[in-house]
Amino acid sequence: SVVAYGFARFQSRLSKILFMVLLGTMMLPTQVTLIPQYLLYYKLGMVDTIWPLIIPSWLGGGAFNIFLFIQFFRTLPKELDEAAKIDGCSTWGMLWRIIFPIAAPGVFTTAIMSFISAWNEYLLSCTLNINENIQTVPVRLSYLKDQFTVFWSQIAAATVVVVIPTLLIVLLFQK
């Protein structure tokens, strides 16, 4: 949200170029960034832990979430910022006391999308986690097959159970 607020409210010579770089990172397939991510997490000692699946979601979730926040912040009138400046708010005060509470729908939308993305993570979980106890649900669902047989009834039942947390979160934060 902080990066998006900066993109939406502050203009500089580099802001358009940085915004294009942000959009460019959204166009990269996940497979392109997989090896650099693995090397980063390996050097940080996070391979075969749950942290590489949690931390990116908590720290913004990627370029799409920043883009979503930028578009939401651009819909808010700039007069709110001007009124806060007149009242003596700093830039951080404007963001946390005025803009962020108004942006609650955008925050919840981003949180729901980050949760669904982390819950359904397959490729990064397969690459980083060998330990079966910390793999994501889609990876565990892929184990419900044999060399020549796919157990469709078990996969269908497990899929219904797996969808329940996502549906509950979406229904709870629907309004």
Protein backbone atom coordinates (compact mmCIF):
# COMPACT_ATOMS: atom_id res chain seq x y z
CA SER A 1 0.00 0.00 0.00
CA VAL A 2 2.87 2.39 0.71
CA VAL A 3 4.45 1.86 -2.71
CA ALA A 4 1.08 2.23 -4.41
CA TYR A 5 0.36 5.43 -2.51
CA GLY A 6 3.69 6.81 -3.69
CA PHE A 7 2.91 5.91 -7.30
CA ALA A 8 -0.63 7.33 -7.11
CA ARG A 9 0.12 10.62 -5.36
CA PHE A 10 3.70 11.67 -6.06
CA GLN A 11 4.95 12.52 -9.52
CA SER A 12 8.62 12.71 -10.50
CA ARG A 13 10.71 12.25 -13.62
CA LEU A 14 11.19 8.56 -12.83
CA SER A 15 7.65 7.71 -11.74
CA LYS A 16 6.42 6.82 -15.24
CA ILE A 17 9.50 4.72 -15.95
CA LEU A 18 9.19 2.90 -12.61
CA PHE A 19 5.49 2.32 -13.25
CA MET A 20 6.35 0.77 -16.63
CA VAL A 21 8.93 -1.46 -14.91
CA LEU A 22 6.21 -2.51 -12.45
CA LEU A 23 3.87 -3.35 -15.32
CA GLY A 24 6.72 -5.21 -17.03
CA THR A 25 7.23 -7.42 -14.00
CA MET A 26 3.55 -8.34 -14.14
CA MET A 27 4.07 -9.62 -17.69
CA LEU A 28 6.88 -11.99 -16.74
CA PRO A 29 5.78 -15.60 -16.32
CA THR A 30 6.42 -17.20 -12.95
CA GLN A 31 8.74 -19.73 -14.56
CA VAL A 32 11.15 -16.96 -15.59
CA THR A 33 11.65 -15.77 -12.02
CA LEU A 34 11.68 -19.23 -10.43
CA ILE A 35 15.46 -19.81 -10.48
CA PRO A 36 16.34 -16.34 -9.10
CA GLN A 37 13.72 -16.82 -6.36
CA TYR A 38 15.17 -20.22 -5.50
CA LEU A 39 18.69 -18.80 -5.31
CA LEU A 40 17.50 -15.93 -3.13
CA TYR A 41 15.68 -18.19 -0.69
CA TYR A 42 18.59 -20.65 -0.69
CA LYS A 43 21.05 -17.91 0.29
CA LEU A 44 18.65 -16.73 3.00
CA GLY A 45 18.37 -20.29 4.34
CA MET A 46 14.64 -20.49 3.68
CA VAL A 47 14.54 -23.50 1.34
CA ASP A 48 12.40 -26.31 2.75
CA THR A 49 10.60 -23.98 5.13
CA ILE A 50 7.16 -22.37 4.99
CA TRP A 51 8.52 -18.79 4.99
CA PRO A 52 8.99 -18.34 1.22
CA LEU A 53 5.28 -19.02 0.80
CA ILE A 54 4.18 -16.64 3.58
CA ILE A 55 6.54 -13.65 3.48
CA PRO A 56 5.87 -12.47 -0.11
CA SER A 57 2.13 -12.42 0.56
CA TRP A 58 2.60 -10.41 3.75
CA LEU A 59 4.95 -7.93 2.10
CA GLY A 60 2.60 -6.91 -0.67
CA GLY A 61 2.07 -10.02 -2.73
CA GLY A 62 3.71 -8.78 -5.89
CA ALA A 63 3.19 -6.34 -8.69
CA PHE A 64 -0.48 -7.08 -9.26
CA ASN A 65 -1.42 -6.10 -5.71
CA ILE A 66 0.57 -2.87 -6.03
CA PHE A 67 -1.18 -2.17 -9.33
CA LEU A 68 -4.56 -2.86 -7.71
CA PHE A 69 -3.81 -0.42 -4.88
CA ILE A 70 -2.56 2.24 -7.32
CA GLN A 71 -5.80 2.12 -9.24
CA PHE A 72 -7.80 2.29 -6.01
CA PHE A 73 -5.80 5.25 -4.66
CA ARG A 74 -6.22 7.11 -7.94
CA THR A 75 -10.00 7.02 -7.47
CA LEU A 76 -9.73 8.87 -4.15
CA PRO A 77 -9.93 12.66 -4.47
CA LYS A 78 -6.68 14.58 -3.95
CA GLU A 79 -8.61 17.13 -1.92
CA LEU A 80 -8.40 14.70 1.01
CA ASP A 81 -4.61 15.01 0.93
CA GLU A 82 -4.78 18.78 0.66
CA ALA A 83 -7.20 19.04 3.59
CA ALA A 84 -4.95 16.80 5.70
CA LYS A 85 -1.91 18.95 4.85
CA ILE A 86 -3.80 22.07 5.91
CA ASP A 87 -4.67 20.36 9.19
CA GLY A 88 -0.98 19.60 9.76
CA CYS A 89 -0.73 15.93 8.81
CA SER A 90 2.54 14.57 7.51
CA THR A 91 2.63 12.28 4.48
CA TRP A 92 2.63 9.21 6.74
CA GLY A 93 -0.21 10.71 8.77
CA MET A 94 -2.26 11.22 5.61
CA LEU A 95 -1.68 7.65 4.55
CA TRP A 96 -2.41 5.96 7.89
CA ARG A 97 -5.09 8.26 9.34
CA ILE A 98 -7.08 9.29 6.29
CA ILE A 99 -6.32 7.35 3.11
CA PHE A 100 -5.81 3.87 4.58
CA PRO A 101 -9.14 3.75 6.48
CA ILE A 102 -10.97 4.90 3.36
CA ALA A 103 -9.12 2.26 1.34
CA ALA A 104 -10.48 -0.60 3.47
CA PRO A 105 -12.31 -2.22 0.50
CA GLY A 106 -9.08 -2.22 -1.50
CA VAL A 107 -7.17 -3.62 1.48
CA PHE A 108 -9.66 -6.45 1.95
CA THR A 109 -9.72 -7.21 -1.77
CA THR A 110 -5.95 -7.40 -1.85
CA ALA A 111 -5.86 -9.52 1.31
CA ILE A 112 -8.39 -11.98 -0.11
CA MET A 113 -6.53 -12.24 -3.40
CA SER A 114 -3.19 -12.71 -1.59
CA PHE A 115 -4.69 -15.46 0.56
CA ILE A 116 -6.14 -17.26 -2.45
CA SER A 117 -2.84 -16.94 -4.30
CA ALA A 118 -0.83 -18.30 -1.36
CA TRP A 119 -3.38 -21.05 -0.70
CA ASN A 120 -3.24 -22.22 -4.33
CA GLU A 121 0.53 -21.90 -4.78
CA TYR A 122 1.83 -24.93 -6.66
CA LEU A 123 5.02 -24.23 -8.60
CA LEU A 124 6.96 -22.40 -5.88
CA SER A 125 5.91 -24.96 -3.29
CA CYS A 126 7.06 -27.83 -5.50
CA THR A 127 10.37 -26.13 -6.11
CA LEU A 128 11.22 -24.94 -2.61
CA ASN A 129 9.69 -27.55 -0.31
CA ILE A 130 10.74 -31.16 -0.35
CA ASN A 131 9.31 -31.80 3.11
CA GLU A 132 5.77 -33.15 2.71
CA ASN A 133 4.56 -31.53 5.95
CA ILE A 134 4.94 -27.97 4.68
CA GLN A 135 3.73 -28.25 1.10
CA THR A 136 0.64 -26.41 -0.06
CA VAL A 137 -2.69 -28.09 -0.60
CA PRO A 138 -2.52 -28.31 -4.43
CA VAL A 139 0.82 -30.13 -4.18
CA ARG A 140 -0.66 -32.58 -1.69
CA LEU A 141 -3.65 -33.09 -3.98
CA SER A 142 -1.31 -34.08 -6.78
CA TYR A 143 -0.15 -37.01 -4.66
CA LEU A 144 -3.59 -38.60 -4.96
CA LYS A 145 -2.56 -40.58 -7.99
CA ASP A 146 -0.61 -43.70 -8.67
CA GLN A 147 1.66 -44.44 -11.60
CA PHE A 148 -1.19 -45.69 -13.76
CA THR A 149 -4.28 -44.70 -11.75
CA VAL A 150 -5.85 -41.41 -10.80
CA PHE A 151 -8.16 -41.63 -7.79
CA TRP A 152 -10.81 -39.22 -9.03
CA SER A 153 -13.27 -39.76 -6.19
CA GLN A 154 -10.63 -38.93 -3.57
CA ILE A 155 -9.43 -35.91 -5.56
CA ALA A 156 -13.00 -34.61 -5.91
CA ALA A 157 -13.70 -35.05 -2.18
CA ALA A 158 -10.42 -33.41 -1.19
CA THR A 159 -11.04 -30.53 -3.58
CA VAL A 160 -14.40 -29.80 -1.99
CA VAL A 161 -12.77 -29.74 1.45
CA VAL A 162 -9.93 -27.52 0.17
CA VAL A 163 -12.32 -24.95 -1.32
CA ILE A 164 -14.17 -24.43 1.97
CA PRO A 165 -11.63 -22.03 3.62
CA THR A 166 -11.49 -19.89 0.49
CA LEU A 167 -15.28 -19.70 0.27
CA LEU A 168 -15.55 -18.82 3.95
CA ILE A 169 -13.05 -15.97 3.66
CA VAL A 170 -14.74 -14.58 0.56
CA LEU A 171 -18.18 -14.78 2.19
CA LEU A 172 -16.98 -13.21 5.44
CA PHE A 173 -15.39 -10.23 3.72
CA GLN A 174 -17.95 -9.88 0.93
CA LYS A 175 -19.43 -6.60 2.16
